[in-house]
Amino acid sequence: MRRLRQASRRRWRPAWRTAPLPRSAPNISIFRSTSASGSVANRQAFQGARMAKVAFLGLGVMGFPMAGYLAKGGHQVTVYNRTAAKADEWVAKHGGTAAKTPAEAAKGQDVVFCCVGNDADLRSVTTGDDGAFHNMGKGAIFVDHTTASAEVARELAKAASDKGFGFVDAPVSGGQAGAENAALTVMCGGAQADYDRAEPLIQHFAKACRLMGPVGSGQLTKMVNQLCIAGVVQGLAEGLHFAEKAGLDAEAVIDVISKGAAQSWQMENRYKTMIAGTFDFGFAVNWMRKDLAICLDEARRNGSTLPLAALVDQFYAEVQAMGGARWDTSSLIARLKRD
């Protein structure tokens, strides 16, 4: 048992405490999936270890708590946010330092994390004027949690490689609640060596983290995630609408069918608010349409056929026209109830 514990400690030692690893990924990557209990163990394993110097760019509803967990883990955190008052608020709550630009935040850091809105925002904080890439040192790692295109991930990975540092695309799933409760699922793309250095830090705010393949694979996996969610939410909206029109007790219906094959996260977490017609609980329609646009663009590149995604995207456009741009994605039921 003692040998097993010693082996576990050696496995999760941060890479900046060991000899540098080669950046090239092996032909067959060894993917690692971490359970919720493993995530807790990994965060605990950091106690007593020399902590990393990290930056976090973007302190929205996701980035603010994610950066907070890095600070709670004992790491030296510098933050940047486009609205400086938000960075000041974060420092007042968690300590650390607020930087005036992404470049200032990135200087001298072991790892730079990022979670911003879209491809344009991502380019702005990386390669734009005062972007982080201008100040990142050789051997550092840039970890991008933005839901963006695989194309921009590959573009930025090339720019990072040219400057001598690593890049991991690492979009997340779990929403604001997942970020606040350190329960995010993180899907990553990049070289194995870069991932191995980044993963122990990611575990501070994740319940699961896995390397899916080379750069861009994390974003492609997130696209699959969003495609599946779109179909499930539309099906749930239609089911609840049908139940109400049929004169059934919708809550009783869900109580029964959620015990069978129809069960889903969306059903468990959104059916009550969908019945009540309140849509203030999560990922906004505007952002879902952005994500579906990324999926549909990628589908045109790889030749896949996504008729349901295209249809649901238009349904979300109707919700926007109803004034629901900031409603959460379960608001698809609103367009069915409007008549």
Protein backbone atom coordinates (compact mmCIF):
# COMPACT_ATOMS: atom_id res chain seq x y z
CA MET A 1 0.00 0.00 0.00
CA ARG A 2 2.89 2.36 0.86
CA ARG A 3 4.45 1.72 -2.55
CA LEU A 4 1.12 2.48 -4.26
CA ARG A 5 0.80 5.80 -2.42
CA GLN A 6 4.37 6.71 -3.33
CA ALA A 7 3.72 5.85 -6.98
CA SER A 8 0.58 8.00 -6.96
CA ARG A 9 2.49 10.98 -5.57
CA ARG A 10 5.14 10.60 -8.23
CA ARG A 11 2.52 10.40 -10.95
CA TRP A 12 0.87 13.72 -10.08
CA ARG A 13 4.02 15.76 -9.40
CA PRO A 14 3.78 19.03 -11.38
CA ALA A 15 6.04 18.92 -14.41
CA TRP A 16 7.83 22.15 -13.46
CA ARG A 17 9.38 20.15 -10.60
CA THR A 18 10.81 17.58 -13.00
CA ALA A 19 13.05 17.54 -16.05
CA PRO A 20 11.45 19.08 -19.17
CA LEU A 21 9.43 16.68 -21.27
CA PRO A 22 9.64 16.49 -25.07
CA ARG A 23 6.84 18.47 -26.72
CA SER A 24 6.15 16.05 -29.56
CA ALA A 25 3.21 13.74 -28.93
CA PRO A 26 3.57 9.98 -29.38
CA ASN A 27 1.81 8.36 -32.30
CA ILE A 28 -0.64 6.72 -29.89
CA SER A 29 -1.55 9.03 -27.02
CA ILE A 30 -2.26 7.57 -23.60
CA PHE A 31 -5.52 9.28 -22.68
CA ARG A 32 -6.30 9.85 -19.02
CA SER A 33 -9.80 10.20 -17.64
CA THR A 34 -10.20 11.40 -14.08
CA SER A 35 -13.20 10.80 -11.84
CA ALA A 36 -14.60 13.32 -9.39
CA SER A 37 -12.86 11.56 -6.50
CA GLY A 38 -9.63 11.55 -8.48
CA SER A 39 -9.99 15.29 -9.05
CA VAL A 40 -10.20 15.88 -5.30
CA ALA A 41 -7.18 13.66 -4.71
CA ASN A 42 -5.17 15.53 -7.32
CA ARG A 43 -6.02 18.90 -5.82
CA GLN A 44 -4.99 17.59 -2.41
CA ALA A 45 -1.75 16.26 -3.88
CA PHE A 46 -0.74 19.84 -4.62
CA GLN A 47 -0.60 20.66 -0.93
CA GLY A 48 3.04 20.83 0.07
CA ALA A 49 4.29 20.94 -3.54
CA ARG A 50 5.98 24.04 -4.96
CA MET A 51 3.18 25.99 -6.57
CA ALA A 52 3.05 27.31 -10.11
CA LYS A 53 2.94 30.87 -11.39
CA VAL A 54 -0.18 31.15 -13.53
CA ALA A 55 -2.27 33.78 -15.27
CA PHE A 56 -5.97 33.68 -16.10
CA LEU A 57 -7.39 35.79 -18.93
CA GLY A 58 -11.15 36.37 -18.88
CA LEU A 59 -13.18 36.56 -15.67
CA GLY A 60 -16.73 35.97 -16.86
CA VAL A 61 -19.20 33.63 -15.19
CA MET A 62 -16.85 30.73 -15.98
CA GLY A 63 -13.39 32.23 -15.64
CA PHE A 64 -13.99 34.04 -12.33
CA PRO A 65 -14.59 30.86 -10.28
CA MET A 66 -12.10 28.78 -12.29
CA ALA A 67 -9.31 31.23 -11.52
CA GLY A 68 -10.52 31.27 -7.92
CA TYR A 69 -9.92 27.54 -7.56
CA LEU A 70 -6.35 27.97 -8.81
CA ALA A 71 -5.81 30.58 -6.10
CA LYS A 72 -7.42 28.32 -3.48
CA GLY A 73 -4.99 25.62 -4.57
CA GLY A 74 -2.16 27.85 -3.46
CA HIS A 75 -0.91 28.94 -6.87
CA GLN A 76 0.37 32.43 -7.57
CA VAL A 77 -2.34 33.86 -9.84
CA THR A 78 -2.35 36.98 -12.00
CA VAL A 79 -5.64 37.85 -13.67
CA TYR A 80 -6.70 39.99 -16.60
CA ASN A 81 -10.18 41.03 -17.64
CA ARG A 82 -11.28 43.44 -20.34
CA THR A 83 -13.37 45.27 -17.72
CA ALA A 84 -10.72 46.10 -15.13
CA ALA A 85 -13.25 46.41 -12.30
CA LYS A 86 -13.96 42.68 -12.57
CA ALA A 87 -10.26 41.88 -12.15
CA ASP A 88 -10.12 44.17 -9.11
CA GLU A 89 -13.15 42.38 -7.66
CA TRP A 90 -11.45 39.02 -8.17
CA VAL A 91 -8.25 40.20 -6.45
CA ALA A 92 -10.27 41.57 -3.52
CA LYS A 93 -11.85 38.15 -3.08
CA HIS A 94 -8.96 35.80 -3.85
CA GLY A 95 -5.75 37.80 -3.57
CA GLY A 96 -3.19 37.65 -6.35
CA THR A 97 -2.52 40.40 -8.86
CA ALA A 98 -4.53 42.17 -11.57
CA ALA A 99 -2.74 43.02 -14.82
CA LYS A 100 -3.67 45.81 -17.19
CA THR A 101 -3.07 43.79 -20.38
CA PRO A 102 -2.88 40.11 -21.37
CA ALA A 103 0.81 40.60 -22.17
CA GLU A 104 1.47 41.92 -18.69
CA ALA A 105 -0.45 39.05 -17.14
CA ALA A 106 1.46 36.43 -19.15
CA LYS A 107 4.98 37.64 -18.38
CA GLY A 108 7.01 35.12 -16.41
CA GLN A 109 4.15 32.61 -15.98
CA ASP A 110 4.46 28.83 -16.09
CA VAL A 111 0.92 28.42 -17.47
CA VAL A 112 -1.51 30.96 -18.91
CA PHE A 113 -5.22 30.04 -18.86
CA CYS A 114 -7.86 31.75 -20.98
CA CYS A 115 -11.66 31.70 -21.12
CA VAL A 116 -13.17 34.36 -23.39
CA GLY A 117 -16.14 34.64 -25.74
CA ASN A 118 -15.24 33.61 -29.27
CA ASP A 119 -12.52 33.31 -31.92
CA ALA A 120 -12.13 37.08 -32.29
CA ASP A 121 -11.81 37.60 -28.52
CA LEU A 122 -9.29 34.78 -28.36
CA ARG A 123 -7.11 36.24 -31.11
CA SER A 124 -7.29 39.63 -29.39
CA VAL A 125 -5.93 38.39 -26.04
CA THR A 126 -3.26 36.14 -27.61
CA THR A 127 -1.76 37.61 -30.77
CA GLY A 128 -3.42 41.05 -30.83
CA ASP A 129 -1.90 44.27 -29.54
CA ASP A 130 -0.74 43.62 -25.95
CA GLY A 131 -1.64 39.95 -26.42
CA ALA A 132 -0.31 37.26 -24.09
CA PHE A 133 1.77 35.53 -26.79
CA HIS A 134 4.09 38.55 -26.99
CA ASN A 135 5.32 37.96 -23.43
CA MET A 136 5.14 34.19 -22.88
CA GLY A 137 8.47 32.53 -22.21
CA LYS A 138 9.90 29.44 -23.84
CA GLY A 139 8.62 26.26 -22.23
CA ALA A 140 5.44 27.85 -20.88
CA ILE A 141 1.97 26.44 -21.68
CA PHE A 142 -1.12 28.29 -22.91
CA VAL A 143 -4.39 26.54 -21.99
CA ASP A 144 -7.49 27.81 -23.76
CA HIS A 145 -10.88 27.05 -22.18
CA THR A 146 -12.83 29.15 -24.70
CA THR A 147 -15.38 27.31 -26.82
CA ALA A 148 -13.97 28.28 -30.20
CA SER A 149 -13.26 26.76 -33.60
CA ALA A 150 -10.75 23.98 -34.14
CA GLU A 151 -9.30 26.20 -36.85
CA VAL A 152 -8.30 28.97 -34.42
CA ALA A 153 -6.89 26.38 -32.03
CA ARG A 154 -4.55 25.08 -34.73
CA GLU A 155 -3.64 28.62 -35.76
CA LEU A 156 -2.69 29.63 -32.23
CA ALA A 157 -0.87 26.36 -31.56
CA LYS A 158 1.33 27.08 -34.59
CA ALA A 159 2.01 30.61 -33.33
CA ALA A 160 2.86 29.24 -29.88
CA SER A 161 5.17 26.60 -31.30
CA ASP A 162 7.01 29.22 -33.34
CA LYS A 163 7.69 31.10 -30.09
CA GLY A 164 8.77 28.01 -28.17
CA PHE A 165 5.83 27.37 -25.85
CA GLY A 166 2.98 24.86 -25.78
CA PHE A 167 -0.72 25.18 -26.50
CA VAL A 168 -3.67 23.07 -25.30
CA ASP A 169 -7.23 23.68 -26.45
CA ALA A 170 -9.40 22.72 -23.49
CA PRO A 171 -13.07 23.75 -23.79
CA VAL A 172 -15.28 22.90 -20.84
CA SER A 173 -18.77 21.58 -20.21
CA GLY A 174 -20.81 21.98 -17.05
CA GLY A 175 -21.86 25.60 -17.21
CA GLN A 176 -21.66 28.22 -14.51
CA ALA A 177 -22.65 25.74 -11.79
CA GLY A 178 -19.86 23.40 -12.87
CA ALA A 179 -17.32 26.21 -12.70
CA GLU A 180 -18.53 27.36 -9.28
CA ASN A 181 -18.44 23.82 -7.86
CA ALA A 182 -15.16 22.66 -9.46
CA ALA A 183 -17.15 20.08 -11.41
CA LEU A 184 -16.34 20.88 -15.03
CA THR A 185 -15.66 18.33 -17.74
CA VAL A 186 -12.63 19.37 -19.78
CA MET A 187 -11.88 17.97 -23.24
CA CYS A 188 -8.36 18.68 -24.46
CA GLY A 189 -6.34 18.75 -27.64
CA GLY A 190 -2.57 19.04 -27.81
CA ALA A 191 0.74 17.27 -27.38
CA GLN A 192 0.89 14.69 -24.62
CA ALA A 193 3.76 16.47 -22.86
CA ASP A 194 1.91 19.79 -22.78
CA TYR A 195 -1.26 18.11 -21.56
CA ASP A 196 0.61 16.26 -18.81
CA ARG A 197 1.92 19.57 -17.48
CA ALA A 198 -1.44 21.32 -17.65
CA GLU A 199 -3.73 18.60 -16.33
CA PRO A 200 -2.83 18.77 -12.61
CA LEU A 201 -3.69 22.47 -12.65
CA ILE A 202 -6.93 21.90 -14.56
CA GLN A 203 -7.95 19.38 -11.91
CA HIS A 204 -8.45 22.22 -9.44
CA PHE A 205 -11.74 23.08 -11.15
CA ALA A 206 -12.61 19.86 -13.01
CA LYS A 207 -14.27 16.57 -12.20
CA ALA A 208 -13.02 14.99 -15.42
CA CYS A 209 -10.27 15.84 -17.88
CA ARG A 210 -9.11 13.89 -20.93
CA LEU A 211 -6.74 14.35 -23.83
CA MET A 212 -8.73 13.62 -27.00
CA GLY A 213 -5.95 13.90 -29.56
CA PRO A 214 -3.82 16.57 -31.27
CA VAL A 215 -4.54 20.30 -31.16
CA GLY A 216 -8.13 21.02 -32.19
CA SER A 217 -9.47 17.72 -30.83
CA GLY A 218 -10.77 19.37 -27.67
CA GLN A 219 -12.81 21.85 -29.70
CA LEU A 220 -14.11 19.09 -31.98
CA THR A 221 -15.23 17.10 -28.94
CA LYS A 222 -16.98 20.16 -27.52
CA MET A 223 -18.84 20.46 -30.84
CA VAL A 224 -20.14 16.91 -30.37
CA ASN A 225 -21.23 17.91 -26.86
CA GLN A 226 -23.20 20.91 -28.12
CA LEU A 227 -24.80 18.94 -30.96
CA CYS A 228 -26.06 16.34 -28.49
CA ILE A 229 -27.39 18.99 -26.11
CA ALA A 230 -29.28 20.78 -28.88
CA GLY A 231 -31.15 17.64 -29.87
CA VAL A 232 -31.92 16.62 -26.29
CA VAL A 233 -33.28 20.05 -25.30
CA GLN A 234 -35.53 20.19 -28.36
CA GLY A 235 -36.85 16.70 -27.62
CA LEU A 236 -37.53 17.62 -24.00
CA ALA A 237 -39.29 20.83 -25.04
CA GLU A 238 -41.55 18.93 -27.42
CA GLY A 239 -42.25 16.21 -24.85
CA LEU A 240 -43.31 18.70 -22.17
CA HIS A 241 -45.38 20.68 -24.67
CA PHE A 242 -47.13 17.51 -25.79
CA ALA A 243 -47.81 16.43 -22.19
CA GLU A 244 -49.43 19.75 -21.36
CA LYS A 245 -51.56 19.75 -24.52
CA ALA A 246 -52.64 16.19 -23.74
CA GLY A 247 -53.88 17.26 -20.31
CA LEU A 248 -51.24 15.32 -18.39
CA ASP A 249 -49.53 16.42 -15.19
CA ALA A 250 -46.14 17.27 -16.69
CA GLU A 251 -44.29 16.89 -13.39
CA ALA A 252 -45.81 13.45 -12.85
CA VAL A 253 -44.82 12.49 -16.38
CA ILE A 254 -41.21 13.49 -15.76
CA ASP A 255 -41.19 11.67 -12.41
CA VAL A 256 -42.01 8.45 -14.25
CA ILE A 257 -40.05 8.73 -17.49
CA SER A 258 -36.92 10.05 -15.80
CA LYS A 259 -36.55 6.60 -14.26
CA GLY A 260 -36.26 5.05 -17.71
CA ALA A 261 -34.46 5.48 -21.02
CA ALA A 262 -35.66 9.09 -21.50
CA GLN A 263 -33.60 10.32 -18.55
CA SER A 264 -31.00 13.03 -19.23
CA TRP A 265 -29.12 15.80 -17.43
CA GLN A 266 -31.35 18.36 -19.14
CA MET A 267 -34.47 16.56 -17.94
CA GLU A 268 -33.23 16.33 -14.36
CA ASN A 269 -32.04 19.93 -14.17
CA ARG A 270 -34.33 21.93 -16.46
CA TYR A 271 -37.80 20.40 -16.57
CA LYS A 272 -39.19 22.44 -13.64
CA THR A 273 -38.02 25.76 -15.03
CA MET A 274 -39.24 24.82 -18.50
CA ILE A 275 -42.71 24.06 -17.11
CA ALA A 276 -42.66 27.34 -15.18
CA GLY A 277 -41.45 29.30 -18.21
CA THR A 278 -38.42 30.76 -16.43
CA PHE A 279 -35.16 30.72 -18.34
CA ASP A 280 -32.52 32.35 -16.15
CA PHE A 281 -30.52 29.26 -15.29
CA GLY A 282 -27.49 28.75 -17.45
CA PHE A 283 -26.03 28.96 -20.92
CA ALA A 284 -27.58 31.77 -23.00
CA VAL A 285 -29.21 31.35 -26.40
CA ASN A 286 -26.75 33.82 -27.95
CA TRP A 287 -23.84 31.62 -26.92
CA MET A 288 -25.56 28.43 -28.06
CA ARG A 289 -26.12 29.92 -31.49
CA LYS A 290 -22.43 30.87 -31.60
CA ASP A 291 -21.50 27.27 -30.77
CA LEU A 292 -23.91 25.78 -33.30
CA ALA A 293 -22.50 28.08 -35.98
CA ILE A 294 -19.04 26.66 -35.20
CA CYS A 295 -20.45 23.12 -35.49
CA LEU A 296 -22.15 23.83 -38.80
CA ASP A 297 -19.02 25.49 -40.23
CA GLU A 298 -16.91 22.49 -39.23
CA ALA A 299 -19.51 20.14 -40.73
CA ARG A 300 -19.15 21.89 -44.07
CA ARG A 301 -15.39 21.27 -43.85
CA ASN A 302 -15.54 17.60 -42.89
CA GLY A 303 -18.58 16.62 -44.94
CA SER A 304 -20.84 15.59 -42.06
CA THR A 305 -24.61 16.09 -42.29
CA LEU A 306 -26.30 17.88 -39.38
CA PRO A 307 -29.97 18.46 -40.27
CA LEU A 308 -31.21 18.53 -36.67
CA ALA A 309 -28.53 21.00 -35.57
CA ALA A 310 -29.40 23.31 -38.44
CA LEU A 311 -33.10 23.11 -37.56
CA VAL A 312 -32.56 23.74 -33.84
CA ASP A 313 -30.30 26.67 -34.68
CA GLN A 314 -33.21 28.25 -36.54
CA PHE A 315 -35.49 27.56 -33.60
CA TYR A 316 -33.05 29.44 -31.38
CA ALA A 317 -33.12 32.30 -33.89
CA GLU A 318 -36.89 32.45 -33.35
CA VAL A 319 -36.31 32.58 -29.57
CA GLN A 320 -33.92 35.49 -30.10
CA ALA A 321 -36.60 37.28 -32.12
CA MET A 322 -38.99 36.77 -29.19
CA GLY A 323 -36.59 38.71 -26.97
CA GLY A 324 -34.90 35.62 -25.54
CA ALA A 325 -31.30 36.21 -26.59
CA ARG A 326 -30.17 36.02 -22.95
CA TRP A 327 -32.56 33.26 -21.91
CA ASP A 328 -30.98 29.89 -21.23
CA THR A 329 -31.05 27.11 -23.83
CA SER A 330 -34.10 25.40 -22.33
CA SER A 331 -36.15 28.32 -23.69
CA LEU A 332 -36.81 26.30 -26.85
CA ILE A 333 -40.12 25.42 -25.18
CA ALA A 334 -41.14 29.10 -25.26
CA ARG A 335 -41.55 29.09 -29.05
CA LEU A 336 -43.90 26.09 -28.75
CA LYS A 337 -46.04 27.83 -26.14
CA ARG A 338 -46.32 31.18 -27.89
CA ASP A 339 -49.43 30.28 -29.92
